[in-house]
Amino acid sequence: MAEAMPAPTLDDETAAALTLFNTYVEADRERRKREQALTKAERAKDDAAAAVRSLDSSQASAAEKTAAEAAYREAAETLKRLRDGTGQKEQSDEGADE
C-alpha cells in the first residue's frame, strides 16, 4: 500500500482563490438545481393542464374532473412558489424523500 501524501500547504492568496472558486461552484450547482426543479414543475403543470382538458372533453365523472383540477392547482402553486423562490427548501426536502 502506498502511503497517503500529506496535503500541500497553500499560501493565503491561493487559499482565498480556491475558496472563491468553491463558492462559485456551489452557487452554480444551486442554480442548476433550481432550473431543474422549475423545468420539472413546469412539465408537471403542463401535464396536469392536459389531463384537465382531456377530461373536460370526455364523459369523465365529476370526481375524476375534481381530482384533475386539484392536481393542476397543486402543480401551478408549486411552480409559483419555485418561481418566487419560496419553495426551494420545501422542494429539496421532498426530493430527498423519494
N, C-alpha and C. Protein backbone atom coordinates (compact mmCIF):
# COMPACT_ATOMS: atom_id res chain seq x y z
N MET A 1 0.84 -1.18 0.00
CA MET A 1 0.00 0.00 0.00
C MET A 1 0.88 1.24 0.00
N ALA A 2 0.53 2.16 -0.84
CA ALA A 2 1.25 3.43 -0.87
C ALA A 2 0.74 4.31 0.26
N GLU A 3 1.68 5.02 0.86
CA GLU A 3 1.27 5.91 1.94
C GLU A 3 0.64 7.16 1.35
N ALA A 4 -0.35 7.68 2.06
CA ALA A 4 -1.03 8.88 1.60
C ALA A 4 -0.10 10.07 1.72
N MET A 5 -0.14 10.90 0.70
CA MET A 5 0.68 12.10 0.71
C MET A 5 -0.01 13.16 1.55
N PRO A 6 0.76 13.91 2.31
CA PRO A 6 0.14 14.98 3.10
C PRO A 6 -0.39 16.08 2.16
N ALA A 7 -1.42 16.77 2.60
CA ALA A 7 -1.99 17.85 1.80
C ALA A 7 -0.97 18.96 1.65
N PRO A 8 -0.87 19.53 0.45
CA PRO A 8 0.10 20.60 0.26
C PRO A 8 -0.31 21.85 1.05
N THR A 9 0.66 22.59 1.46
CA THR A 9 0.36 23.84 2.16
C THR A 9 0.16 24.93 1.12
N LEU A 10 -0.83 25.77 1.36
CA LEU A 10 -1.16 26.82 0.41
C LEU A 10 -0.90 28.18 1.02
N ASP A 11 -0.45 29.10 0.18
CA ASP A 11 -0.29 30.46 0.68
C ASP A 11 -1.68 31.09 0.78
N ASP A 12 -1.76 32.22 1.44
CA ASP A 12 -3.06 32.86 1.70
C ASP A 12 -3.79 33.23 0.41
N GLU A 13 -3.06 33.70 -0.59
CA GLU A 13 -3.68 34.12 -1.84
C GLU A 13 -4.31 32.92 -2.57
N THR A 14 -3.59 31.81 -2.62
CA THR A 14 -4.11 30.60 -3.27
C THR A 14 -5.29 30.04 -2.51
N ALA A 15 -5.22 30.03 -1.20
CA ALA A 15 -6.34 29.55 -0.39
C ALA A 15 -7.58 30.41 -0.61
N ALA A 16 -7.41 31.73 -0.69
CA ALA A 16 -8.54 32.62 -0.93
C ALA A 16 -9.13 32.38 -2.32
N ALA A 17 -8.27 32.17 -3.31
CA ALA A 17 -8.74 31.90 -4.67
C ALA A 17 -9.51 30.59 -4.73
N LEU A 18 -9.03 29.55 -4.05
CA LEU A 18 -9.74 28.27 -4.03
C LEU A 18 -11.08 28.39 -3.31
N THR A 19 -11.11 29.15 -2.23
CA THR A 19 -12.37 29.37 -1.51
C THR A 19 -13.37 30.08 -2.40
N LEU A 20 -12.92 31.10 -3.12
CA LEU A 20 -13.80 31.82 -4.04
C LEU A 20 -14.29 30.90 -5.15
N PHE A 21 -13.39 30.10 -5.71
CA PHE A 21 -13.78 29.15 -6.76
C PHE A 21 -14.83 28.17 -6.25
N ASN A 22 -14.59 27.62 -5.05
CA ASN A 22 -15.55 26.67 -4.49
C ASN A 22 -16.91 27.32 -4.24
N THR A 23 -16.91 28.60 -3.87
CA THR A 23 -18.15 29.34 -3.68
C THR A 23 -18.91 29.44 -5.00
N TYR A 24 -18.19 29.76 -6.07
CA TYR A 24 -18.82 29.84 -7.39
C TYR A 24 -19.35 28.49 -7.84
N VAL A 25 -18.61 27.44 -7.59
CA VAL A 25 -19.06 26.09 -7.98
C VAL A 25 -20.35 25.73 -7.25
N GLU A 26 -20.39 26.01 -5.96
CA GLU A 26 -21.59 25.71 -5.17
C GLU A 26 -22.79 26.53 -5.66
N ALA A 27 -22.56 27.80 -5.96
CA ALA A 27 -23.63 28.66 -6.47
C ALA A 27 -24.14 28.14 -7.80
N ASP A 28 -23.25 27.66 -8.65
CA ASP A 28 -23.66 27.11 -9.94
C ASP A 28 -24.47 25.84 -9.76
N ARG A 29 -24.09 25.00 -8.82
CA ARG A 29 -24.86 23.77 -8.54
C ARG A 29 -26.27 24.13 -8.07
N GLU A 30 -26.37 25.11 -7.18
CA GLU A 30 -27.69 25.53 -6.69
C GLU A 30 -28.53 26.11 -7.81
N ARG A 31 -27.92 26.88 -8.70
CA ARG A 31 -28.64 27.45 -9.85
C ARG A 31 -29.16 26.33 -10.75
N ARG A 32 -28.33 25.35 -11.00
CA ARG A 32 -28.75 24.22 -11.85
C ARG A 32 -29.88 23.43 -11.21
N LYS A 33 -29.80 23.21 -9.89
CA LYS A 33 -30.87 22.50 -9.19
C LYS A 33 -32.18 23.27 -9.31
N ARG A 34 -32.10 24.59 -9.14
CA ARG A 34 -33.30 25.43 -9.23
C ARG A 34 -33.88 25.36 -10.65
N GLU A 35 -33.02 25.43 -11.66
CA GLU A 35 -33.50 25.34 -13.05
C GLU A 35 -34.16 24.00 -13.31
N GLN A 36 -33.57 22.93 -12.80
CA GLN A 36 -34.15 21.59 -12.99
C GLN A 36 -35.49 21.47 -12.27
N ALA A 37 -35.57 22.04 -11.06
CA ALA A 37 -36.83 22.00 -10.32
C ALA A 37 -37.91 22.79 -11.05
N LEU A 38 -37.54 23.94 -11.62
CA LEU A 38 -38.50 24.74 -12.38
C LEU A 38 -38.97 23.99 -13.63
N THR A 39 -38.05 23.37 -14.32
CA THR A 39 -38.41 22.60 -15.52
C THR A 39 -39.35 21.46 -15.17
N LYS A 40 -39.05 20.77 -14.08
CA LYS A 40 -39.89 19.66 -13.64
C LYS A 40 -41.28 20.16 -13.24
N ALA A 41 -41.34 21.29 -12.53
CA ALA A 41 -42.62 21.85 -12.10
C ALA A 41 -43.43 22.34 -13.29
N GLU A 42 -42.77 22.94 -14.28
CA GLU A 42 -43.48 23.38 -15.49
C GLU A 42 -44.06 22.19 -16.24
N ARG A 43 -43.29 21.12 -16.33
CA ARG A 43 -43.76 19.91 -17.02
C ARG A 43 -44.95 19.30 -16.27
N ALA A 44 -44.88 19.28 -14.95
CA ALA A 44 -45.98 18.72 -14.15
C ALA A 44 -47.24 19.56 -14.33
N LYS A 45 -47.09 20.88 -14.34
CA LYS A 45 -48.25 21.76 -14.54
C LYS A 45 -48.84 21.56 -15.92
N ASP A 46 -47.99 21.47 -16.95
CA ASP A 46 -48.48 21.25 -18.31
C ASP A 46 -49.19 19.91 -18.43
N ASP A 47 -48.64 18.87 -17.81
CA ASP A 47 -49.27 17.55 -17.85
C ASP A 47 -50.63 17.57 -17.13
N ALA A 48 -50.69 18.27 -16.00
CA ALA A 48 -51.95 18.37 -15.26
C ALA A 48 -52.98 19.16 -16.05
N ALA A 49 -52.55 20.21 -16.73
CA ALA A 49 -53.47 21.00 -17.57
C ALA A 49 -53.99 20.16 -18.72
N ALA A 50 -53.14 19.36 -19.31
CA ALA A 50 -53.57 18.48 -20.41
C ALA A 50 -54.59 17.46 -19.90
N ALA A 51 -54.37 16.95 -18.69
CA ALA A 51 -55.32 15.98 -18.11
C ALA A 51 -56.67 16.65 -17.88
N VAL A 52 -56.67 17.88 -17.39
CA VAL A 52 -57.94 18.60 -17.17
C VAL A 52 -58.65 18.82 -18.50
N ARG A 53 -57.92 19.25 -19.52
CA ARG A 53 -58.53 19.48 -20.84
C ARG A 53 -59.11 18.19 -21.41
N SER A 54 -58.37 17.08 -21.28
CA SER A 54 -58.87 15.83 -21.84
C SER A 54 -60.11 15.34 -21.10
N LEU A 55 -60.15 15.55 -19.78
CA LEU A 55 -61.33 15.14 -19.02
C LEU A 55 -62.52 16.06 -19.29
N ASP A 56 -62.27 17.33 -19.58
CA ASP A 56 -63.36 18.25 -19.90
C ASP A 56 -64.05 17.85 -21.20
N SER A 57 -63.28 17.32 -22.14
CA SER A 57 -63.86 16.95 -23.42
C SER A 57 -64.40 15.52 -23.43
N SER A 58 -64.23 14.80 -22.35
CA SER A 58 -64.71 13.41 -22.29
C SER A 58 -65.91 13.31 -21.34
N GLN A 59 -66.39 12.13 -21.18
CA GLN A 59 -67.53 11.87 -20.30
C GLN A 59 -67.03 11.40 -18.93
N ALA A 60 -66.02 12.06 -18.42
CA ALA A 60 -65.44 11.67 -17.14
C ALA A 60 -66.38 12.05 -16.00
N SER A 61 -66.24 11.34 -14.92
CA SER A 61 -67.08 11.62 -13.76
C SER A 61 -66.64 12.93 -13.10
N ALA A 62 -67.51 13.46 -12.28
CA ALA A 62 -67.21 14.70 -11.57
C ALA A 62 -66.03 14.51 -10.63
N ALA A 63 -65.91 13.34 -10.02
CA ALA A 63 -64.80 13.07 -9.10
C ALA A 63 -63.47 13.07 -9.85
N GLU A 64 -63.44 12.50 -11.05
CA GLU A 64 -62.21 12.49 -11.85
C GLU A 64 -61.82 13.92 -12.24
N LYS A 65 -62.82 14.71 -12.64
CA LYS A 65 -62.54 16.09 -13.03
C LYS A 65 -62.04 16.90 -11.84
N THR A 66 -62.68 16.69 -10.68
CA THR A 66 -62.26 17.40 -9.47
C THR A 66 -60.84 17.03 -9.08
N ALA A 67 -60.50 15.76 -9.18
CA ALA A 67 -59.14 15.31 -8.84
C ALA A 67 -58.12 15.90 -9.81
N ALA A 68 -58.46 15.94 -11.09
CA ALA A 68 -57.55 16.50 -12.08
C ALA A 68 -57.36 18.00 -11.86
N GLU A 69 -58.44 18.69 -11.54
CA GLU A 69 -58.35 20.14 -11.27
C GLU A 69 -57.51 20.40 -10.02
N ALA A 70 -57.67 19.57 -9.00
CA ALA A 70 -56.88 19.73 -7.77
C ALA A 70 -55.40 19.49 -8.06
N ALA A 71 -55.11 18.49 -8.88
CA ALA A 71 -53.72 18.21 -9.25
C ALA A 71 -53.13 19.39 -10.02
N TYR A 72 -53.94 19.99 -10.89
CA TYR A 72 -53.47 21.16 -11.64
C TYR A 72 -53.19 22.33 -10.70
N ARG A 73 -54.11 22.59 -9.79
CA ARG A 73 -53.91 23.71 -8.86
C ARG A 73 -52.65 23.50 -8.02
N GLU A 74 -52.44 22.28 -7.57
CA GLU A 74 -51.25 21.98 -6.77
C GLU A 74 -49.97 22.18 -7.60
N ALA A 75 -49.99 21.71 -8.84
CA ALA A 75 -48.82 21.87 -9.71
C ALA A 75 -48.57 23.34 -10.01
N ALA A 76 -49.62 24.10 -10.25
CA ALA A 76 -49.46 25.53 -10.52
C ALA A 76 -48.93 26.26 -9.29
N GLU A 77 -49.40 25.90 -8.12
CA GLU A 77 -48.93 26.54 -6.88
C GLU A 77 -47.45 26.19 -6.62
N THR A 78 -47.07 24.96 -6.87
CA THR A 78 -45.67 24.55 -6.71
C THR A 78 -44.79 25.36 -7.65
N LEU A 79 -45.22 25.50 -8.90
CA LEU A 79 -44.45 26.27 -9.87
C LEU A 79 -44.34 27.72 -9.43
N LYS A 80 -45.42 28.29 -8.95
CA LYS A 80 -45.40 29.67 -8.48
C LYS A 80 -44.43 29.85 -7.32
N ARG A 81 -44.46 28.93 -6.35
CA ARG A 81 -43.54 29.01 -5.21
C ARG A 81 -42.09 28.93 -5.66
N LEU A 82 -41.80 28.05 -6.62
CA LEU A 82 -40.43 27.92 -7.11
C LEU A 82 -40.00 29.18 -7.84
N ARG A 83 -40.89 29.74 -8.64
CA ARG A 83 -40.54 30.97 -9.36
C ARG A 83 -40.31 32.13 -8.40
N ASP A 84 -41.10 32.17 -7.33
CA ASP A 84 -40.96 33.23 -6.33
C ASP A 84 -39.76 32.99 -5.42
N GLY A 85 -39.24 31.76 -5.43
CA GLY A 85 -38.09 31.44 -4.58
C GLY A 85 -38.47 30.98 -3.20
N THR A 86 -39.78 30.82 -2.93
CA THR A 86 -40.20 30.42 -1.59
C THR A 86 -40.30 28.91 -1.43
N GLY A 87 -40.29 28.16 -2.50
CA GLY A 87 -40.49 26.72 -2.40
C GLY A 87 -39.24 25.91 -2.58
N GLN A 88 -38.10 26.55 -2.72
CA GLN A 88 -36.87 25.80 -2.98
C GLN A 88 -36.53 24.85 -1.86
N LYS A 89 -36.59 25.29 -0.61
CA LYS A 89 -36.27 24.43 0.53
C LYS A 89 -37.26 23.28 0.62
N GLU A 90 -38.56 23.58 0.47
CA GLU A 90 -39.57 22.54 0.54
C GLU A 90 -39.38 21.53 -0.57
N GLN A 91 -39.07 21.99 -1.77
CA GLN A 91 -38.89 21.11 -2.90
C GLN A 91 -37.71 20.18 -2.67
N SER A 92 -36.59 20.72 -2.16
CA SER A 92 -35.41 19.87 -1.94
C SER A 92 -35.66 18.87 -0.80
N ASP A 93 -36.45 19.25 0.19
CA ASP A 93 -36.80 18.32 1.25
C ASP A 93 -37.65 17.18 0.72
N GLU A 94 -38.60 17.49 -0.16
CA GLU A 94 -39.45 16.46 -0.73
C GLU A 94 -38.65 15.53 -1.64
N GLY A 95 -37.70 16.09 -2.39
CA GLY A 95 -36.88 15.29 -3.28
C GLY A 95 -35.99 14.32 -2.53
N ALA A 96 -35.62 14.66 -1.31
CA ALA A 96 -34.77 13.77 -0.51
C ALA A 96 -35.54 12.53 -0.05
N ASP A 97 -36.87 12.65 0.06
CA ASP A 97 -37.67 11.53 0.50
C ASP A 97 -37.89 10.49 -0.59
N GLU A 98 -37.75 10.90 -1.84
CA GLU A 98 -38.06 10.00 -2.97
C GLU A 98 -36.97 8.99 -3.20
